[in-house]
Amino acid sequence: MENKKCIVRVDFNVPLSDQNKILDDTRIRAVKKTIDFLISKKAKVILISHMGRPKGKKDQNLSLGKIIDSIESIL
């Protein structure tokens, strides 16, 4: 897998507080072993996820950007 791009569909649709803090990070922690394995094999890991249900419209309130720091610290 060295230098191969590996797309991983993850479920980071996590519950958030009113201050955009993750209330339950179980879904993020669940993929850590998989991601660590791929990285150990020197794969280039691309994560794909979503948050909420925007119903076909762009909604910044549903952006994963709000939780990227938390995702990075867990993974």
PDB file of N, CA and C in Angstrom:
ATOM      1  N   MET A   1       0.809  -1.193   0.000  1.00  0.00           N
ATOM      2  CA  MET A   1       0.000   0.000   0.000  1.00  0.00           C
ATOM      3  C   MET A   1       0.857   1.264   0.000  1.00  0.00           C
ATOM      4  N   GLU A   2       2.149   1.091   0.001  1.00  0.00           N
ATOM      5  CA  GLU A   2       3.043   2.234   0.085  1.00  0.00           C
ATOM      6  C   GLU A   2       2.790   3.220  -1.054  1.00  0.00           C
ATOM      7  N   ASN A   3       2.588   4.476  -0.665  1.00  0.00           N
ATOM      8  CA  ASN A   3       2.332   5.589  -1.588  1.00  0.00           C
ATOM      9  C   ASN A   3       1.043   5.446  -2.393  1.00  0.00           C
ATOM     10  N   LYS A   4       0.172   4.535  -2.015  1.00  0.00           N
ATOM     11  CA  LYS A   4      -1.130   4.397  -2.674  1.00  0.00           C
ATOM     12  C   LYS A   4      -2.138   5.280  -1.946  1.00  0.00           C
ATOM     13  N   LYS A   5      -3.043   5.872  -2.699  1.00  0.00           N
ATOM     14  CA  LYS A   5      -4.115   6.654  -2.097  1.00  0.00           C
ATOM     15  C   LYS A   5      -5.201   5.687  -1.649  1.00  0.00           C
ATOM     16  N   CYS A   6      -5.642   5.851  -0.424  1.00  0.00           N
ATOM     17  CA  CYS A   6      -6.663   4.981   0.138  1.00  0.00           C
ATOM     18  C   CYS A   6      -7.807   5.850   0.651  1.00  0.00           C
ATOM     19  N   ILE A   7      -8.965   5.739   0.020  1.00  0.00           N
ATOM     20  CA  ILE A   7     -10.136   6.508   0.429  1.00  0.00           C
ATOM     21  C   ILE A   7     -10.912   5.688   1.451  1.00  0.00           C
ATOM     22  N   VAL A   8     -11.173   6.305   2.603  1.00  0.00           N
ATOM     23  CA  VAL A   8     -11.896   5.636   3.675  1.00  0.00           C
ATOM     24  C   VAL A   8     -13.152   6.445   3.978  1.00  0.00           C
ATOM     25  N   ARG A   9     -14.298   5.806   3.831  1.00  0.00           N
ATOM     26  CA  ARG A   9     -15.574   6.452   4.161  1.00  0.00           C
ATOM     27  C   ARG A   9     -15.794   6.272   5.652  1.00  0.00           C
ATOM     28  N   VAL A  10     -15.818   7.375   6.390  1.00  0.00           N
ATOM     29  CA  VAL A  10     -15.979   7.330   7.839  1.00  0.00           C
ATOM     30  C   VAL A  10     -17.268   8.035   8.240  1.00  0.00           C
ATOM     31  N   ASP A  11     -17.761   7.711   9.417  1.00  0.00           N
ATOM     32  CA  ASP A  11     -18.978   8.340   9.918  1.00  0.00           C
ATOM     33  C   ASP A  11     -18.605   9.296  11.046  1.00  0.00           C
ATOM     34  N   PHE A  12     -18.334  10.532  10.690  1.00  0.00           N
ATOM     35  CA  PHE A  12     -18.007  11.560  11.673  1.00  0.00           C
ATOM     36  C   PHE A  12     -19.216  12.456  11.941  1.00  0.00           C
ATOM     37  N   ASN A  13     -20.399  11.961  11.680  1.00  0.00           N
ATOM     38  CA  ASN A  13     -21.637  12.684  11.934  1.00  0.00           C
ATOM     39  C   ASN A  13     -21.938  12.556  13.433  1.00  0.00           C
ATOM     40  N   VAL A  14     -21.235  13.345  14.241  1.00  0.00           N
ATOM     41  CA  VAL A  14     -21.280  13.227  15.695  1.00  0.00           C
ATOM     42  C   VAL A  14     -22.173  14.302  16.309  1.00  0.00           C
ATOM     43  N   PRO A  15     -22.738  14.019  17.488  1.00  0.00           N
ATOM     44  CA  PRO A  15     -23.556  15.035  18.157  1.00  0.00           C
ATOM     45  C   PRO A  15     -22.679  16.154  18.713  1.00  0.00           C
ATOM     46  N   LEU A  16     -23.165  17.387  18.564  1.00  0.00           N
ATOM     47  CA  LEU A  16     -22.426  18.567  19.027  1.00  0.00           C
ATOM     48  C   LEU A  16     -23.235  19.353  20.052  1.00  0.00           C
ATOM     49  N   SER A  17     -22.516  20.040  20.939  1.00  0.00           N
ATOM     50  CA  SER A  17     -23.162  20.948  21.884  1.00  0.00           C
ATOM     51  C   SER A  17     -23.481  22.258  21.160  1.00  0.00           C
ATOM     52  N   ASP A  18     -24.126  23.169  21.857  1.00  0.00           N
ATOM     53  CA  ASP A  18     -24.424  24.488  21.284  1.00  0.00           C
ATOM     54  C   ASP A  18     -23.150  25.270  20.973  1.00  0.00           C
ATOM     55  N   GLN A  19     -22.041  24.897  21.633  1.00  0.00           N
ATOM     56  CA  GLN A  19     -20.749  25.552  21.405  1.00  0.00           C
ATOM     57  C   GLN A  19     -19.893  24.764  20.412  1.00  0.00           C
ATOM     58  N   ASN A  20     -20.515  23.856  19.670  1.00  0.00           N
ATOM     59  CA  ASN A  20     -19.834  23.021  18.666  1.00  0.00           C
ATOM     60  C   ASN A  20     -18.748  22.127  19.256  1.00  0.00           C
ATOM     61  N   LYS A  21     -18.945  21.674  20.472  1.00  0.00           N
ATOM     62  CA  LYS A  21     -18.045  20.700  21.094  1.00  0.00           C
ATOM     63  C   LYS A  21     -18.645  19.311  20.890  1.00  0.00           C
ATOM     64  N   ILE A  22     -17.793  18.356  20.592  1.00  0.00           N
ATOM     65  CA  ILE A  22     -18.258  16.989  20.368  1.00  0.00           C
ATOM     66  C   ILE A  22     -18.750  16.403  21.690  1.00  0.00           C
ATOM     67  N   LEU A  23     -19.991  15.906  21.695  1.00  0.00           N
ATOM     68  CA  LEU A  23     -20.572  15.316  22.895  1.00  0.00           C
ATOM     69  C   LEU A  23     -20.232  13.830  23.019  1.00  0.00           C
ATOM     70  N   ASP A  24     -20.057  13.159  21.904  1.00  0.00           N
ATOM     71  CA  ASP A  24     -19.731  11.727  21.905  1.00  0.00           C
ATOM     72  C   ASP A  24     -18.798  11.454  20.729  1.00  0.00           C
ATOM     73  N   ASP A  25     -17.547  11.110  21.029  1.00  0.00           N
ATOM     74  CA  ASP A  25     -16.552  10.909  19.970  1.00  0.00           C
ATOM     75  C   ASP A  25     -16.355   9.439  19.590  1.00  0.00           C
ATOM     76  N   THR A  26     -17.287   8.583  19.961  1.00  0.00           N
ATOM     77  CA  THR A  26     -17.176   7.146  19.689  1.00  0.00           C
ATOM     78  C   THR A  26     -16.964   6.856  18.211  1.00  0.00           C
ATOM     79  N   ARG A  27     -17.673   7.526  17.350  1.00  0.00           N
ATOM     80  CA  ARG A  27     -17.559   7.269  15.905  1.00  0.00           C
ATOM     81  C   ARG A  27     -16.173   7.626  15.373  1.00  0.00           C
ATOM     82  N   ILE A  28     -15.577   8.647  15.929  1.00  0.00           N
ATOM     83  CA  ILE A  28     -14.232   9.045  15.495  1.00  0.00           C
ATOM     84  C   ILE A  28     -13.206   8.036  16.006  1.00  0.00           C
ATOM     85  N   ARG A  29     -13.318   7.683  17.275  1.00  0.00           N
ATOM     86  CA  ARG A  29     -12.375   6.714  17.860  1.00  0.00           C
ATOM     87  C   ARG A  29     -12.478   5.341  17.196  1.00  0.00           C
ATOM     88  N   ALA A  30     -13.641   5.004  16.675  1.00  0.00           N
ATOM     89  CA  ALA A  30     -13.862   3.687  16.069  1.00  0.00           C
ATOM     90  C   ALA A  30     -12.998   3.442  14.837  1.00  0.00           C
ATOM     91  N   VAL A  31     -12.571   4.481  14.158  1.00  0.00           N
ATOM     92  CA  VAL A  31     -11.781   4.305  12.928  1.00  0.00           C
ATOM     93  C   VAL A  31     -10.280   4.493  13.146  1.00  0.00           C
ATOM     94  N   LYS A  32      -9.889   4.813  14.359  1.00  0.00           N
ATOM     95  CA  LYS A  32      -8.477   5.095  14.636  1.00  0.00           C
ATOM     96  C   LYS A  32      -7.563   3.928  14.269  1.00  0.00           C
ATOM     97  N   LYS A  33      -7.921   2.710  14.631  1.00  0.00           N
ATOM     98  CA  LYS A  33      -7.068   1.552  14.328  1.00  0.00           C
ATOM     99  C   LYS A  33      -6.891   1.370  12.828  1.00  0.00           C
ATOM    100  N   THR A  34      -7.965   1.541  12.083  1.00  0.00           N
ATOM    101  CA  THR A  34      -7.895   1.402  10.625  1.00  0.00           C
ATOM    102  C   THR A  34      -6.968   2.451  10.029  1.00  0.00           C
ATOM    103  N   ILE A  35      -7.138   3.683  10.452  1.00  0.00           N
ATOM    104  CA  ILE A  35      -6.311   4.770   9.924  1.00  0.00           C
ATOM    105  C   ILE A  35      -4.849   4.575  10.321  1.00  0.00           C
ATOM    106  N   ASP A  36      -4.620   4.197  11.576  1.00  0.00           N
ATOM    107  CA  ASP A  36      -3.240   3.942  12.021  1.00  0.00           C
ATOM    108  C   ASP A  36      -2.600   2.815  11.211  1.00  0.00           C
ATOM    109  N   PHE A  37      -3.368   1.764  10.916  1.00  0.00           N
ATOM    110  CA  PHE A  37      -2.847   0.655  10.114  1.00  0.00           C
ATOM    111  C   PHE A  37      -2.442   1.139   8.727  1.00  0.00           C
ATOM    112  N   LEU A  38      -3.320   1.889   8.082  1.00  0.00           N
ATOM    113  CA  LEU A  38      -3.026   2.382   6.737  1.00  0.00           C
ATOM    114  C   LEU A  38      -1.796   3.285   6.733  1.00  0.00           C
ATOM    115  N   ILE A  39      -1.691   4.135   7.729  1.00  0.00           N
ATOM    116  CA  ILE A  39      -0.526   5.016   7.827  1.00  0.00           C
ATOM    117  C   ILE A  39       0.745   4.193   8.051  1.00  0.00           C
ATOM    118  N   SER A  40       0.646   3.138   8.852  1.00  0.00           N
ATOM    119  CA  SER A  40       1.825   2.294   9.098  1.00  0.00           C
ATOM    120  C   SER A  40       2.299   1.603   7.823  1.00  0.00           C
ATOM    121  N   LYS A  41       1.378   1.415   6.882  1.00  0.00           N
ATOM    122  CA  LYS A  41       1.718   0.818   5.587  1.00  0.00           C
ATOM    123  C   LYS A  41       2.086   1.883   4.560  1.00  0.00           C
ATOM    124  N   LYS A  42       2.221   3.126   5.041  1.00  0.00           N
ATOM    125  CA  LYS A  42       2.621   4.272   4.218  1.00  0.00           C
ATOM    126  C   LYS A  42       1.616   4.613   3.117  1.00  0.00           C
ATOM    127  N   ALA A  43       0.348   4.333   3.393  1.00  0.00           N
ATOM    128  CA  ALA A  43      -0.713   4.718   2.461  1.00  0.00           C
ATOM    129  C   ALA A  43      -1.010   6.205   2.641  1.00  0.00           C
ATOM    130  N   LYS A  44      -1.499   6.825   1.593  1.00  0.00           N
ATOM    131  CA  LYS A  44      -1.956   8.212   1.644  1.00  0.00           C
ATOM    132  C   LYS A  44      -3.458   8.153   1.907  1.00  0.00           C
ATOM    133  N   VAL A  45      -3.848   8.442   3.132  1.00  0.00           N
ATOM    134  CA  VAL A  45      -5.224   8.242   3.575  1.00  0.00           C
ATOM    135  C   VAL A  45      -6.068   9.481   3.299  1.00  0.00           C
ATOM    136  N   ILE A  46      -7.206   9.259   2.651  1.00  0.00           N
ATOM    137  CA  ILE A  46      -8.174  10.316   2.367  1.00  0.00           C
ATOM    138  C   ILE A  46      -9.463   9.923   3.076  1.00  0.00           C
ATOM    139  N   LEU A  47      -9.928  10.779   3.977  1.00  0.00           N
ATOM    140  CA  LEU A  47     -11.148  10.493   4.723  1.00  0.00           C
ATOM    141  C   LEU A  47     -12.324  11.233   4.101  1.00  0.00           C
ATOM    142  N   ILE A  48     -13.437  10.531   3.979  1.00  0.00           N
ATOM    143  CA  ILE A  48     -14.660  11.126   3.438  1.00  0.00           C
ATOM    144  C   ILE A  48     -15.763  10.934   4.473  1.00  0.00           C
ATOM    145  N   SER A  49     -16.468  12.006   4.787  1.00  0.00           N
ATOM    146  CA  SER A  49     -17.551  11.930   5.754  1.00  0.00           C
ATOM    147  C   SER A  49     -18.576  13.025   5.465  1.00  0.00           C
ATOM    148  N   HIS A  50     -19.545  13.124   6.329  1.00  0.00           N
ATOM    149  CA  HIS A  50     -20.544  14.191   6.236  1.00  0.00           C
ATOM    150  C   HIS A  50     -21.013  14.510   7.647  1.00  0.00           C
ATOM    151  N   MET A  51     -21.734  15.604   7.776  1.00  0.00           N
ATOM    152  CA  MET A  51     -22.341  15.954   9.050  1.00  0.00           C
ATOM    153  C   MET A  51     -23.750  16.456   8.781  1.00  0.00           C
ATOM    154  N   GLY A  52     -24.694  15.865   9.443  1.00  0.00           N
ATOM    155  CA  GLY A  52     -26.074  16.291   9.300  1.00  0.00           C
ATOM    156  C   GLY A  52     -26.675  15.938   7.951  1.00  0.00           C
ATOM    157  N   ARG A  53     -27.812  16.557   7.680  1.00  0.00           N
ATOM    158  CA  ARG A  53     -28.534  16.332   6.428  1.00  0.00           C
ATOM    159  C   ARG A  53     -28.874  17.680   5.805  1.00  0.00           C
ATOM    160  N   PRO A  54     -28.030  18.171   4.908  1.00  0.00           N
ATOM    161  CA  PRO A  54     -28.230  19.513   4.342  1.00  0.00           C
ATOM    162  C   PRO A  54     -29.362  19.599   3.320  1.00  0.00           C
ATOM    163  N   LYS A  55     -29.959  18.488   2.957  1.00  0.00           N
ATOM    164  CA  LYS A  55     -31.092  18.458   2.020  1.00  0.00           C
ATOM    165  C   LYS A  55     -30.778  19.153   0.702  1.00  0.00           C
ATOM    166  N   GLY A  56     -29.588  18.871   0.162  1.00  0.00           N
ATOM    167  CA  GLY A  56     -29.215  19.387  -1.150  1.00  0.00           C
ATOM    168  C   GLY A  56     -28.735  20.826  -1.175  1.00  0.00           C
ATOM    169  N   LYS A  57     -28.633  21.449  -0.017  1.00  0.00           N
ATOM    170  CA  LYS A  57     -28.192  22.840   0.049  1.00  0.00           C
ATOM    171  C   LYS A  57     -26.891  22.931   0.838  1.00  0.00           C
ATOM    172  N   LYS A  58     -26.068  23.909   0.488  1.00  0.00           N
ATOM    173  CA  LYS A  58     -24.830  24.141   1.225  1.00  0.00           C
ATOM    174  C   LYS A  58     -25.179  24.830   2.543  1.00  0.00           C
ATOM    175  N   ASP A  59     -24.752  24.226   3.647  1.00  0.00           N
ATOM    176  CA  ASP A  59     -25.063  24.758   4.970  1.00  0.00           C
ATOM    177  C   ASP A  59     -23.787  24.748   5.812  1.00  0.00           C
ATOM    178  N   GLN A  60     -23.201  25.902   6.052  1.00  0.00           N
ATOM    179  CA  GLN A  60     -21.946  26.002   6.802  1.00  0.00           C
ATOM    180  C   GLN A  60     -22.089  25.494   8.233  1.00  0.00           C
ATOM    181  N   ASN A  61     -23.311  25.482   8.757  1.00  0.00           N
ATOM    182  CA  ASN A  61     -23.528  24.951  10.100  1.00  0.00           C
ATOM    183  C   ASN A  61     -23.266  23.450  10.160  1.00  0.00           C
ATOM    184  N   LEU A  62     -23.246  22.800   9.002  1.00  0.00           N
ATOM    185  CA  LEU A  62     -23.006  21.359   8.938  1.00  0.00           C
ATOM    186  C   LEU A  62     -21.605  21.033   8.436  1.00  0.00           C
ATOM    187  N   SER A  63     -20.707  21.982   8.514  1.00  0.00           N
ATOM    188  CA  SER A  63     -19.333  21.793   8.050  1.00  0.00           C
ATOM    189  C   SER A  63     -18.520  20.983   9.061  1.00  0.00           C
ATOM    190  N   LEU A  64     -17.719  20.051   8.558  1.00  0.00           N
ATOM    191  CA  LEU A  64     -16.805  19.301   9.421  1.00  0.00           C
ATOM    192  C   LEU A  64     -15.661  20.180   9.911  1.00  0.00           C
ATOM    193  N   GLY A  65     -15.502  21.346   9.309  1.00  0.00           N
ATOM    194  CA  GLY A  65     -14.452  22.269   9.719  1.00  0.00           C
ATOM    195  C   GLY A  65     -14.550  22.659  11.185  1.00  0.00           C
ATOM    196  N   LYS A  66     -15.763  22.643  11.729  1.00  0.00           N
ATOM    197  CA  LYS A  66     -15.966  23.012  13.129  1.00  0.00           C
ATOM    198  C   LYS A  66     -15.330  22.011  14.086  1.00  0.00           C
ATOM    199  N   ILE A  67     -15.154  20.777  13.643  1.00  0.00           N
ATOM    200  CA  ILE A  67     -14.645  19.744  14.548  1.00  0.00           C
ATOM    201  C   ILE A  67     -13.298  19.171  14.110  1.00  0.00           C
ATOM    202  N   ILE A  68     -12.679  19.774  13.108  1.00  0.00           N
ATOM    203  CA  ILE A  68     -11.427  19.222  12.577  1.00  0.00           C
ATOM    204  C   ILE A  68     -10.330  19.166  13.640  1.00  0.00           C
ATOM    205  N   ASP A  69     -10.248  20.166  14.521  1.00  0.00           N
ATOM    206  CA  ASP A  69      -9.224  20.137  15.571  1.00  0.00           C
ATOM    207  C   ASP A  69      -9.423  18.936  16.495  1.00  0.00           C
ATOM    208  N   SER A  70     -10.674  18.655  16.835  1.00  0.00           N
ATOM    209  CA  SER A  70     -10.972  17.493  17.683  1.00  0.00           C
ATOM    210  C   SER A  70     -10.644  16.194  16.964  1.00  0.00           C
ATOM    211  N   ILE A  71     -10.988  16.114  15.693  1.00  0.00           N
ATOM    212  CA  ILE A  71     -10.687  14.914  14.906  1.00  0.00           C
ATOM    213  C   ILE A  71      -9.180  14.691  14.865  1.00  0.00           C
ATOM    214  N   GLU A  72      -8.427  15.743  14.595  1.00  0.00           N
ATOM    215  CA  GLU A  72      -6.964  15.625  14.527  1.00  0.00           C
ATOM    216  C   GLU A  72      -6.374  15.178  15.858  1.00  0.00           C
ATOM    217  N   SER A  73      -6.894  15.685  16.961  1.00  0.00           N
ATOM    218  CA  SER A  73      -6.327  15.313  18.263  1.00  0.00           C
ATOM    219  C   SER A  73      -6.640  13.861  18.620  1.00  0.00           C
ATOM    220  N   ILE A  74      -7.778  13.350  18.179  1.00  0.00           N
ATOM    221  CA  ILE A  74      -8.147  11.959  18.453  1.00  0.00           C
ATOM    222  C   ILE A  74      -7.367  11.008  17.564  1.00  0.00           C
ATOM    223  N   LEU A  75      -7.234  11.373  16.294  1.00  0.00           N
ATOM    224  CA  LEU A  75      -6.558  10.482  15.358  1.00  0.00           C
ATOM    225  C   LEU A  75      -5.061  10.688  15.393  1.00  0.00           C
TER     226      LEU A  75
END
